[in-house]
Amino acid sequence: MIEGWAMVSITVIISACSLLIAAVMAVVNIRSTTKKADTEETTKTTTLIVKLENISDGVNEIKTDMKNFRSDLQNVRERLTIVEQSTKSAHKRLDQWESEQHEK
């Protein structure tokens, strides 16, 4: 009878040990999977942050270019005004010269 209990006890012990090992392996696997997922998420987040920083840099560069363009456009407007005034003055002189030529 003791042999029967011993056999049952050994079977129960082996089953309990197997269950314990399976539970430990499950916990280790879950933690490993969670760490791997966290690492992947961190990598994706870091990549996204870098891309957003690059976009931000590009937008800042475009803003600077636009400021320079506005300044250049203002300079062109000022020069155009001067050229228009000079042209108007030249036309007046030509008209005056033509009048003098016709009177002669």
PDB file of N, CA and C in Angstrom:
ATOM      1  N   MET A   1       0.813  -1.180   0.000  1.00  0.00           N
ATOM      2  CA  MET A   1       0.000   0.000   0.000  1.00  0.00           C
ATOM      3  C   MET A   1       0.868   1.261   0.000  1.00  0.00           C
ATOM      4  N   ILE A   2       1.974   1.164   0.706  1.00  0.00           N
ATOM      5  CA  ILE A   2       2.887   2.286   0.731  1.00  0.00           C
ATOM      6  C   ILE A   2       3.493   2.477  -0.653  1.00  0.00           C
ATOM      7  N   GLU A   3       3.732   1.382  -1.308  1.00  0.00           N
ATOM      8  CA  GLU A   3       4.268   1.497  -2.660  1.00  0.00           C
ATOM      9  C   GLU A   3       3.288   2.215  -3.563  1.00  0.00           C
ATOM     10  N   GLY A   4       2.024   2.007  -3.414  1.00  0.00           N
ATOM     11  CA  GLY A   4       0.989   2.671  -4.210  1.00  0.00           C
ATOM     12  C   GLY A   4       0.978   4.159  -3.929  1.00  0.00           C
ATOM     13  N   TRP A   5       1.088   4.520  -2.624  1.00  0.00           N
ATOM     14  CA  TRP A   5       1.130   5.931  -2.250  1.00  0.00           C
ATOM     15  C   TRP A   5       2.409   6.580  -2.781  1.00  0.00           C
ATOM     16  N   ALA A   6       3.491   5.824  -2.722  1.00  0.00           N
ATOM     17  CA  ALA A   6       4.762   6.349  -3.203  1.00  0.00           C
ATOM     18  C   ALA A   6       4.690   6.624  -4.702  1.00  0.00           C
ATOM     19  N   MET A   7       4.052   5.701  -5.420  1.00  0.00           N
ATOM     20  CA  MET A   7       3.918   5.859  -6.852  1.00  0.00           C
ATOM     21  C   MET A   7       3.034   7.058  -7.163  1.00  0.00           C
ATOM     22  N   VAL A   8       1.941   7.213  -6.403  1.00  0.00           N
ATOM     23  CA  VAL A   8       1.041   8.336  -6.602  1.00  0.00           C
ATOM     24  C   VAL A   8       1.761   9.630  -6.218  1.00  0.00           C
ATOM     25  N   SER A   9       2.513   9.611  -5.140  1.00  0.00           N
ATOM     26  CA  SER A   9       3.224  10.798  -4.694  1.00  0.00           C
ATOM     27  C   SER A   9       4.266  11.227  -5.722  1.00  0.00           C
ATOM     28  N   ILE A  10       4.995  10.271  -6.267  1.00  0.00           N
ATOM     29  CA  ILE A  10       5.999  10.588  -7.277  1.00  0.00           C
ATOM     30  C   ILE A  10       5.301  11.155  -8.517  1.00  0.00           C
ATOM     31  N   THR A  11       4.202  10.585  -8.906  1.00  0.00           N
ATOM     32  CA  THR A  11       3.454  11.062 -10.063  1.00  0.00           C
ATOM     33  C   THR A  11       2.937  12.477  -9.816  1.00  0.00           C
ATOM     34  N   VAL A  12       2.419  12.715  -8.613  1.00  0.00           N
ATOM     35  CA  VAL A  12       1.914  14.037  -8.266  1.00  0.00           C
ATOM     36  C   VAL A  12       3.061  15.047  -8.232  1.00  0.00           C
ATOM     37  N   ILE A  13       4.188  14.648  -7.669  1.00  0.00           N
ATOM     38  CA  ILE A  13       5.349  15.535  -7.595  1.00  0.00           C
ATOM     39  C   ILE A  13       5.849  15.873  -8.999  1.00  0.00           C
ATOM     40  N   ILE A  14       5.943  14.863  -9.855  1.00  0.00           N
ATOM     41  CA  ILE A  14       6.401  15.096 -11.228  1.00  0.00           C
ATOM     42  C   ILE A  14       5.409  16.003 -11.960  1.00  0.00           C
ATOM     43  N   SER A  15       4.125  15.765 -11.768  1.00  0.00           N
ATOM     44  CA  SER A  15       3.100  16.599 -12.404  1.00  0.00           C
ATOM     45  C   SER A  15       3.171  18.029 -11.884  1.00  0.00           C
ATOM     46  N   ALA A  16       3.344  18.178 -10.570  1.00  0.00           N
ATOM     47  CA  ALA A  16       3.427  19.510  -9.971  1.00  0.00           C
ATOM     48  C   ALA A  16       4.676  20.239 -10.478  1.00  0.00           C
ATOM     49  N   CYS A  17       5.790  19.518 -10.553  1.00  0.00           N
ATOM     50  CA  CYS A  17       7.026  20.119 -11.071  1.00  0.00           C
ATOM     51  C   CYS A  17       6.846  20.531 -12.531  1.00  0.00           C
ATOM     52  N   SER A  18       6.213  19.683 -13.314  1.00  0.00           N
ATOM     53  CA  SER A  18       5.968  19.994 -14.725  1.00  0.00           C
ATOM     54  C   SER A  18       5.075  21.218 -14.848  1.00  0.00           C
ATOM     55  N   LEU A  19       4.044  21.285 -14.009  1.00  0.00           N
ATOM     56  CA  LEU A  19       3.148  22.434 -14.021  1.00  0.00           C
ATOM     57  C   LEU A  19       3.889  23.703 -13.618  1.00  0.00           C
ATOM     58  N   LEU A  20       4.744  23.610 -12.612  1.00  0.00           N
ATOM     59  CA  LEU A  20       5.522  24.755 -12.145  1.00  0.00           C
ATOM     60  C   LEU A  20       6.482  25.237 -13.239  1.00  0.00           C
ATOM     61  N   ILE A  21       7.152  24.291 -13.882  1.00  0.00           N
ATOM     62  CA  ILE A  21       8.077  24.643 -14.965  1.00  0.00           C
ATOM     63  C   ILE A  21       7.315  25.295 -16.118  1.00  0.00           C
ATOM     64  N   ALA A  22       6.161  24.767 -16.471  1.00  0.00           N
ATOM     65  CA  ALA A  22       5.346  25.332 -17.546  1.00  0.00           C
ATOM     66  C   ALA A  22       4.892  26.745 -17.182  1.00  0.00           C
ATOM     67  N   ALA A  23       4.511  26.933 -15.920  1.00  0.00           N
ATOM     68  CA  ALA A  23       4.071  28.275 -15.483  1.00  0.00           C
ATOM     69  C   ALA A  23       5.228  29.266 -15.543  1.00  0.00           C
ATOM     70  N   VAL A  24       6.410  28.839 -15.076  1.00  0.00           N
ATOM     71  CA  VAL A  24       7.585  29.715 -15.115  1.00  0.00           C
ATOM     72  C   VAL A  24       7.936  30.053 -16.562  1.00  0.00           C
ATOM     73  N   MET A  25       7.906  29.074 -17.429  1.00  0.00           N
ATOM     74  CA  MET A  25       8.217  29.315 -18.838  1.00  0.00           C
ATOM     75  C   MET A  25       7.194  30.263 -19.473  1.00  0.00           C
ATOM     76  N   ALA A  26       5.926  30.116 -19.101  1.00  0.00           N
ATOM     77  CA  ALA A  26       4.890  31.000 -19.620  1.00  0.00           C
ATOM     78  C   ALA A  26       5.145  32.444 -19.190  1.00  0.00           C
ATOM     79  N   VAL A  27       5.509  32.632 -17.911  1.00  0.00           N
ATOM     80  CA  VAL A  27       5.796  33.980 -17.407  1.00  0.00           C
ATOM     81  C   VAL A  27       7.006  34.564 -18.125  1.00  0.00           C
ATOM     82  N   VAL A  28       8.055  33.760 -18.284  1.00  0.00           N
ATOM     83  CA  VAL A  28       9.262  34.227 -18.978  1.00  0.00           C
ATOM     84  C   VAL A  28       8.926  34.588 -20.421  1.00  0.00           C
ATOM     85  N   ASN A  29       8.133  33.781 -21.068  1.00  0.00           N
ATOM     86  CA  ASN A  29       7.740  34.034 -22.453  1.00  0.00           C
ATOM     87  C   ASN A  29       6.918  35.318 -22.557  1.00  0.00           C
ATOM     88  N   ILE A  30       5.989  35.513 -21.641  1.00  0.00           N
ATOM     89  CA  ILE A  30       5.166  36.730 -21.655  1.00  0.00           C
ATOM     90  C   ILE A  30       6.040  37.955 -21.450  1.00  0.00           C
ATOM     91  N   ARG A  31       6.964  37.889 -20.488  1.00  0.00           N
ATOM     92  CA  ARG A  31       7.861  39.027 -20.250  1.00  0.00           C
ATOM     93  C   ARG A  31       8.740  39.295 -21.467  1.00  0.00           C
ATOM     94  N   SER A  32       9.248  38.244 -22.080  1.00  0.00           N
ATOM     95  CA  SER A  32      10.097  38.392 -23.259  1.00  0.00           C
ATOM     96  C   SER A  32       9.309  39.032 -24.393  1.00  0.00           C
ATOM     97  N   THR A  33       8.095  38.573 -24.597  1.00  0.00           N
ATOM     98  CA  THR A  33       7.240  39.117 -25.647  1.00  0.00           C
ATOM     99  C   THR A  33       6.921  40.583 -25.358  1.00  0.00           C
ATOM    100  N   THR A  34       6.646  40.891 -24.104  1.00  0.00           N
ATOM    101  CA  THR A  34       6.345  42.277 -23.717  1.00  0.00           C
ATOM    102  C   THR A  34       7.556  43.163 -23.934  1.00  0.00           C
ATOM    103  N   LYS A  35       8.744  42.693 -23.550  1.00  0.00           N
ATOM    104  CA  LYS A  35       9.960  43.472 -23.754  1.00  0.00           C
ATOM    105  C   LYS A  35      10.216  43.690 -25.243  1.00  0.00           C
ATOM    106  N   LYS A  36       9.997  42.642 -26.023  1.00  0.00           N
ATOM    107  CA  LYS A  36      10.200  42.749 -27.469  1.00  0.00           C
ATOM    108  C   LYS A  36       9.210  43.751 -28.063  1.00  0.00           C
ATOM    109  N   ALA A  37       7.961  43.688 -27.636  1.00  0.00           N
ATOM    110  CA  ALA A  37       6.948  44.626 -28.122  1.00  0.00           C
ATOM    111  C   ALA A  37       7.296  46.055 -27.694  1.00  0.00           C
ATOM    112  N   ASP A  38       7.754  46.197 -26.455  1.00  0.00           N
ATOM    113  CA  ASP A  38       8.156  47.520 -25.973  1.00  0.00           C
ATOM    114  C   ASP A  38       9.331  48.065 -26.785  1.00  0.00           C
ATOM    115  N   THR A  39      10.286  47.193 -27.075  1.00  0.00           N
ATOM    116  CA  THR A  39      11.441  47.604 -27.868  1.00  0.00           C
ATOM    117  C   THR A  39      11.007  48.028 -29.265  1.00  0.00           C
ATOM    118  N   GLU A  40      10.131  47.264 -29.875  1.00  0.00           N
ATOM    119  CA  GLU A  40       9.631  47.608 -31.207  1.00  0.00           C
ATOM    120  C   GLU A  40       8.851  48.924 -31.172  1.00  0.00           C
ATOM    121  N   GLU A  41       8.034  49.095 -30.149  1.00  0.00           N
ATOM    122  CA  GLU A  41       7.258  50.332 -30.013  1.00  0.00           C
ATOM    123  C   GLU A  41       8.182  51.529 -29.809  1.00  0.00           C
ATOM    124  N   THR A  42       9.224  51.344 -29.002  1.00  0.00           N
ATOM    125  CA  THR A  42      10.192  52.417 -28.783  1.00  0.00           C
ATOM    126  C   THR A  42      10.907  52.768 -30.081  1.00  0.00           C
ATOM    127  N   THR A  43      11.274  51.765 -30.843  1.00  0.00           N
ATOM    128  CA  THR A  43      11.939  51.988 -32.130  1.00  0.00           C
ATOM    129  C   THR A  43      11.026  52.753 -33.077  1.00  0.00           C
ATOM    130  N   LYS A  44       9.772  52.354 -33.158  1.00  0.00           N
ATOM    131  CA  LYS A  44       8.818  53.034 -34.034  1.00  0.00           C
ATOM    132  C   LYS A  44       8.594  54.479 -33.577  1.00  0.00           C
ATOM    133  N   THR A  45       8.473  54.665 -32.268  1.00  0.00           N
ATOM    134  CA  THR A  45       8.256  56.014 -31.736  1.00  0.00           C
ATOM    135  C   THR A  45       9.457  56.904 -32.013  1.00  0.00           C
ATOM    136  N   THR A  46      10.652  56.357 -31.819  1.00  0.00           N
ATOM    137  CA  THR A  46      11.867  57.126 -32.078  1.00  0.00           C
ATOM    138  C   THR A  46      11.959  57.504 -33.549  1.00  0.00           C
ATOM    139  N   THR A  47      11.655  56.569 -34.417  1.00  0.00           N
ATOM    140  CA  THR A  47      11.669  56.841 -35.859  1.00  0.00           C
ATOM    141  C   THR A  47      10.661  57.936 -36.204  1.00  0.00           C
ATOM    142  N   LEU A  48       9.492  57.851 -35.616  1.00  0.00           N
ATOM    143  CA  LEU A  48       8.456  58.856 -35.862  1.00  0.00           C
ATOM    144  C   LEU A  48       8.907  60.228 -35.377  1.00  0.00           C
ATOM    145  N   ILE A  49       9.526  60.284 -34.216  1.00  0.00           N
ATOM    146  CA  ILE A  49      10.009  61.556 -33.669  1.00  0.00           C
ATOM    147  C   ILE A  49      11.069  62.155 -34.595  1.00  0.00           C
ATOM    148  N   VAL A  50      11.976  61.322 -35.069  1.00  0.00           N
ATOM    149  CA  VAL A  50      13.035  61.813 -35.974  1.00  0.00           C
ATOM    150  C   VAL A  50      12.411  62.363 -37.253  1.00  0.00           C
ATOM    151  N   LYS A  51      11.434  61.656 -37.799  1.00  0.00           N
ATOM    152  CA  LYS A  51      10.776  62.124 -39.015  1.00  0.00           C
ATOM    153  C   LYS A  51      10.055  63.447 -38.781  1.00  0.00           C
ATOM    154  N   LEU A  52       9.388  63.573 -37.622  1.00  0.00           N
ATOM    155  CA  LEU A  52       8.707  64.826 -37.315  1.00  0.00           C
ATOM    156  C   LEU A  52       9.700  65.969 -37.145  1.00  0.00           C
ATOM    157  N   GLU A  53      10.848  65.685 -36.543  1.00  0.00           N
ATOM    158  CA  GLU A  53      11.878  66.723 -36.412  1.00  0.00           C
ATOM    159  C   GLU A  53      12.393  67.151 -37.782  1.00  0.00           C
ATOM    160  N   ASN A  54      12.557  66.196 -38.686  1.00  0.00           N
ATOM    161  CA  ASN A  54      12.995  66.526 -40.051  1.00  0.00           C
ATOM    162  C   ASN A  54      11.952  67.382 -40.760  1.00  0.00           C
ATOM    163  N   ILE A  55      10.680  67.049 -40.576  1.00  0.00           N
ATOM    164  CA  ILE A  55       9.609  67.853 -41.173  1.00  0.00           C
ATOM    165  C   ILE A  55       9.636  69.258 -40.583  1.00  0.00           C
ATOM    166  N   SER A  56       9.810  69.347 -39.271  1.00  0.00           N
ATOM    167  CA  SER A  56       9.874  70.654 -38.608  1.00  0.00           C
ATOM    168  C   SER A  56      11.035  71.479 -39.150  1.00  0.00           C
ATOM    169  N   ASP A  57      12.189  70.836 -39.318  1.00  0.00           N
ATOM    170  CA  ASP A  57      13.351  71.535 -39.888  1.00  0.00           C
ATOM    171  C   ASP A  57      13.041  72.026 -41.303  1.00  0.00           C
ATOM    172  N   GLY A  58      12.363  71.189 -42.084  1.00  0.00           N
ATOM    173  CA  GLY A  58      11.997  71.570 -43.448  1.00  0.00           C
ATOM    174  C   GLY A  58      11.048  72.757 -43.461  1.00  0.00           C
ATOM    175  N   VAL A  59      10.077  72.750 -42.545  1.00  0.00           N
ATOM    176  CA  VAL A  59       9.133  73.870 -42.462  1.00  0.00           C
ATOM    177  C   VAL A  59       9.873  75.145 -42.072  1.00  0.00           C
ATOM    178  N   ASN A  60      10.788  75.053 -41.117  1.00  0.00           N
ATOM    179  CA  ASN A  60      11.565  76.230 -40.715  1.00  0.00           C
ATOM    180  C   ASN A  60      12.410  76.761 -41.868  1.00  0.00           C
ATOM    181  N   GLU A  61      12.963  75.845 -42.644  1.00  0.00           N
ATOM    182  CA  GLU A  61      13.757  76.246 -43.805  1.00  0.00           C
ATOM    183  C   GLU A  61      12.880  76.946 -44.844  1.00  0.00           C
ATOM    184  N   ILE A  62      11.683  76.444 -45.048  1.00  0.00           N
ATOM    185  CA  ILE A  62      10.751  77.070 -45.985  1.00  0.00           C
ATOM    186  C   ILE A  62      10.368  78.462 -45.489  1.00  0.00           C
ATOM    187  N   LYS A  63      10.151  78.605 -44.188  1.00  0.00           N
ATOM    188  CA  LYS A  63       9.830  79.927 -43.633  1.00  0.00           C
ATOM    189  C   LYS A  63      10.968  80.912 -43.890  1.00  0.00           C
ATOM    190  N   THR A  64      12.189  80.456 -43.681  1.00  0.00           N
ATOM    191  CA  THR A  64      13.345  81.323 -43.928  1.00  0.00           C
ATOM    192  C   THR A  64      13.422  81.702 -45.397  1.00  0.00           C
ATOM    193  N   ASP A  65      13.204  80.718 -46.273  1.00  0.00           N
ATOM    194  CA  ASP A  65      13.216  81.000 -47.712  1.00  0.00           C
ATOM    195  C   ASP A  65      12.132  82.009 -48.089  1.00  0.00           C
ATOM    196  N   MET A  66      10.957  81.881 -47.479  1.00  0.00           N
ATOM    197  CA  MET A  66       9.865  82.810 -47.769  1.00  0.00           C
ATOM    198  C   MET A  66      10.211  84.222 -47.312  1.00  0.00           C
ATOM    199  N   LYS A  67      10.851  84.348 -46.145  1.00  0.00           N
ATOM    200  CA  LYS A  67      11.269  85.676 -45.672  1.00  0.00           C
ATOM    201  C   LYS A  67      12.267  86.289 -46.649  1.00  0.00           C
ATOM    202  N   ASN A  68      13.223  85.489 -47.099  1.00  0.00           N
ATOM    203  CA  ASN A  68      14.204  85.973 -48.074  1.00  0.00           C
ATOM    204  C   ASN A  68      13.530  86.351 -49.390  1.00  0.00           C
ATOM    205  N   PHE A  69      12.569  85.542 -49.815  1.00  0.00           N
ATOM    206  CA  PHE A  69      11.835  85.827 -51.051  1.00  0.00           C
ATOM    207  C   PHE A  69      11.078  87.142 -50.931  1.00  0.00           C
ATOM    208  N   ARG A  70      10.422  87.356 -49.792  1.00  0.00           N
ATOM    209  CA  ARG A  70       9.692  88.614 -49.590  1.00  0.00           C
ATOM    210  C   ARG A  70      10.638  89.807 -49.644  1.00  0.00           C
ATOM    211  N   SER A  71      11.790  89.652 -49.017  1.00  0.00           N
ATOM    212  CA  SER A  71      12.774  90.735 -49.034  1.00  0.00           C
ATOM    213  C   SER A  71      13.245  91.004 -50.461  1.00  0.00           C
ATOM    214  N   ASP A  72      13.544  89.943 -51.194  1.00  0.00           N
ATOM    215  CA  ASP A  72      13.965  90.098 -52.592  1.00  0.00           C
ATOM    216  C   ASP A  72      12.855  90.741 -53.421  1.00  0.00           C
ATOM    217  N   LEU A  73      11.619  90.327 -53.195  1.00  0.00           N
ATOM    218  CA  LEU A  73      10.491  90.887 -53.935  1.00  0.00           C
ATOM    219  C   LEU A  73      10.330  92.376 -53.628  1.00  0.00           C
ATOM    220  N   GLN A  74      10.520  92.744 -52.377  1.00  0.00           N
ATOM    221  CA  GLN A  74      10.437  94.161 -52.009  1.00  0.00           C
ATOM    222  C   GLN A  74      11.527  94.956 -52.722  1.00  0.00           C
ATOM    223  N   ASN A  75      12.735  94.398 -52.789  1.00  0.00           N
ATOM    224  CA  ASN A  75      13.828  95.067 -53.512  1.00  0.00           C
ATOM    225  C   ASN A  75      13.495  95.230 -54.992  1.00  0.00           C
ATOM    226  N   VAL A  76      12.903  94.197 -55.584  1.00  0.00           N
ATOM    227  CA  VAL A  76      12.525  94.267 -57.001  1.00  0.00           C
ATOM    228  C   VAL A  76      11.448  95.336 -57.196  1.00  0.00           C
ATOM    229  N   ARG A  77      10.489  95.406 -56.276  1.00  0.00           N
ATOM    230  CA  ARG A  77       9.443  96.431 -56.388  1.00  0.00           C
ATOM    231  C   ARG A  77      10.046  97.835 -56.348  1.00  0.00           C
ATOM    232  N   GLU A  78      10.985  98.043 -55.423  1.00  0.00           N
ATOM    233  CA  GLU A  78      11.625  99.354 -55.307  1.00  0.00           C
ATOM    234  C   GLU A  78      12.389  99.697 -56.586  1.00  0.00           C
ATOM    235  N   ARG A  79      13.119  98.710 -57.117  1.00  0.00           N
ATOM    236  CA  ARG A  79      13.872  98.953 -58.345  1.00  0.00           C
ATOM    237  C   ARG A  79      12.933  99.199 -59.515  1.00  0.00           C
ATOM    238  N   LEU A  80      11.808  98.475 -59.562  1.00  0.00           N
ATOM    239  CA  LEU A  80      10.833  98.663 -60.637  1.00  0.00           C
ATOM    240  C   LEU A  80      10.249 100.069 -60.576  1.00  0.00           C
ATOM    241  N   THR A  81       9.966 100.543 -59.389  1.00  0.00           N
ATOM    242  CA  THR A  81       9.443 101.908 -59.235  1.00  0.00           C
ATOM    243  C   THR A  81      10.446 102.920 -59.770  1.00  0.00           C
ATOM    244  N   ILE A  82      11.717 102.718 -59.447  1.00  0.00           N
ATOM    245  CA  ILE A  82      12.770 103.627 -59.936  1.00  0.00           C
ATOM    246  C   ILE A  82      12.858 103.571 -61.460  1.00  0.00           C
ATOM    247  N   VAL A  83      12.793 102.363 -62.021  1.00  0.00           N
ATOM    248  CA  VAL A  83      12.863 102.205 -63.482  1.00  0.00           C
ATOM    249  C   VAL A  83      11.651 102.853 -64.135  1.00  0.00           C
ATOM    250  N   GLU A  84      10.468 102.690 -63.545  1.00  0.00           N
ATOM    251  CA  GLU A  84       9.269 103.314 -64.108  1.00  0.00           C
ATOM    252  C   GLU A  84       9.404 104.840 -64.101  1.00  0.00           C
ATOM    253  N   GLN A  85       9.912 105.388 -63.012  1.00  0.00           N
ATOM    254  CA  GLN A  85      10.103 106.839 -62.935  1.00  0.00           C
ATOM    255  C   GLN A  85      11.121 107.306 -63.963  1.00  0.00           C
ATOM    256  N   SER A  86      12.181 106.546 -64.101  1.00  0.00           N
ATOM    257  CA  SER A  86      13.207 106.898 -65.074  1.00  0.00           C
ATOM    258  C   SER A  86      12.662 106.819 -66.495  1.00  0.00           C
ATOM    259  N   THR A  87      11.860 105.795 -66.768  1.00  0.00           N
ATOM    260  CA  THR A  87      11.255 105.636 -68.088  1.00  0.00           C
ATOM    261  C   THR A  87      10.306 106.787 -68.386  1.00  0.00           C
ATOM    262  N   LYS A  88       9.513 107.144 -67.385  1.00  0.00           N
ATOM    263  CA  LYS A  88       8.575 108.261 -67.557  1.00  0.00           C
ATOM    264  C   LYS A  88       9.335 109.556 -67.866  1.00  0.00           C
ATOM    265  N   SER A  89      10.427 109.770 -67.140  1.00  0.00           N
ATOM    266  CA  SER A  89      11.244 110.959 -67.375  1.00  0.00           C
ATOM    267  C   SER A  89      11.864 110.917 -68.769  1.00  0.00           C
ATOM    268  N   ALA A  90      12.332 109.735 -69.172  1.00  0.00           N
ATOM    269  CA  ALA A  90      12.938 109.603 -70.505  1.00  0.00           C
ATOM    270  C   ALA A  90      11.899 109.868 -71.586  1.00  0.00           C
ATOM    271  N   HIS A  91      10.661 109.394 -71.401  1.00  0.00           N
ATOM    272  CA  HIS A  91       9.607 109.647 -72.389  1.00  0.00           C
ATOM    273  C   HIS A  91       9.322 111.143 -72.499  1.00  0.00           C
ATOM    274  N   LYS A  92       9.312 111.807 -71.354  1.00  0.00           N
ATOM    275  CA  LYS A  92       9.077 113.258 -71.390  1.00  0.00           C
ATOM    276  C   LYS A  92      10.188 113.955 -72.163  1.00  0.00           C
ATOM    277  N   ARG A  93      11.420 113.553 -71.921  1.00  0.00           N
ATOM    278  CA  ARG A  93      12.545 114.165 -72.639  1.00  0.00           C
ATOM    279  C   ARG A  93      12.469 113.864 -74.131  1.00  0.00           C
ATOM    280  N   LEU A  94      12.100 112.617 -74.475  1.00  0.00           N
ATOM    281  CA  LEU A  94      11.964 112.267 -75.893  1.00  0.00           C
ATOM    282  C   LEU A  94      10.847 113.066 -76.550  1.00  0.00           C
ATOM    283  N   ASP A  95       9.732 113.161 -75.853  1.00  0.00           N
ATOM    284  CA  ASP A  95       8.620 113.956 -76.408  1.00  0.00           C
ATOM    285  C   ASP A  95       9.054 115.409 -76.613  1.00  0.00           C
ATOM    286  N   GLN A  96       9.752 115.920 -75.628  1.00  0.00           N
ATOM    287  CA  GLN A  96      10.237 117.305 -75.735  1.00  0.00           C
ATOM    288  C   GLN A  96      11.230 117.433 -76.892  1.00  0.00           C
ATOM    289  N   TRP A  97      12.118 116.492 -77.034  1.00  0.00           N
ATOM    290  CA  TRP A  97      13.105 116.520 -78.105  1.00  0.00           C
ATOM    291  C   TRP A  97      12.410 116.429 -79.464  1.00  0.00           C
ATOM    292  N   GLU A  98      11.395 115.540 -79.577  1.00  0.00           N
ATOM    293  CA  GLU A  98      10.646 115.413 -80.824  1.00  0.00           C
ATOM    294  C   GLU A  98       9.946 116.727 -81.177  1.00  0.00           C
ATOM    295  N   SER A  99       9.389 117.369 -80.142  1.00  0.00           N
ATOM    296  CA  SER A  99       8.730 118.664 -80.388  1.00  0.00           C
ATOM    297  C   SER A  99       9.721 119.673 -80.927  1.00  0.00           C
ATOM    298  N   GLU A 100      10.894 119.695 -80.352  1.00  0.00           N
ATOM    299  CA  GLU A 100      11.930 120.628 -80.804  1.00  0.00           C
ATOM    300  C   GLU A 100      12.342 120.292 -82.236  1.00  0.00           C
ATOM    301  N   GLN A 101      12.411 119.018 -82.577  1.00  0.00           N
ATOM    302  CA  GLN A 101      12.824 118.601 -83.907  1.00  0.00           C
ATOM    303  C   GLN A 101      11.766 118.988 -84.952  1.00  0.00           C
ATOM    304  N   HIS A 102      10.511 118.889 -84.574  1.00  0.00           N
ATOM    305  CA  HIS A 102       9.437 119.240 -85.512  1.00  0.00           C
ATOM    306  C   HIS A 102       9.356 120.756 -85.711  1.00  0.00           C
ATOM    307  N   GLU A 103       9.734 121.506 -84.730  1.00  0.00           N
ATOM    308  CA  GLU A 103       9.690 122.973 -84.841  1.00  0.00           C
ATOM    309  C   GLU A 103      10.802 123.473 -85.754  1.00  0.00           C
ATOM    310  N   LYS A 104      11.847 122.760 -85.883  1.00  0.00           N
ATOM    311  CA  LYS A 104      12.971 123.210 -86.704  1.00  0.00           C
ATOM    312  C   LYS A 104      12.688 123.041 -88.128  1.00  0.00           C
TER     313      LYS A 104
END
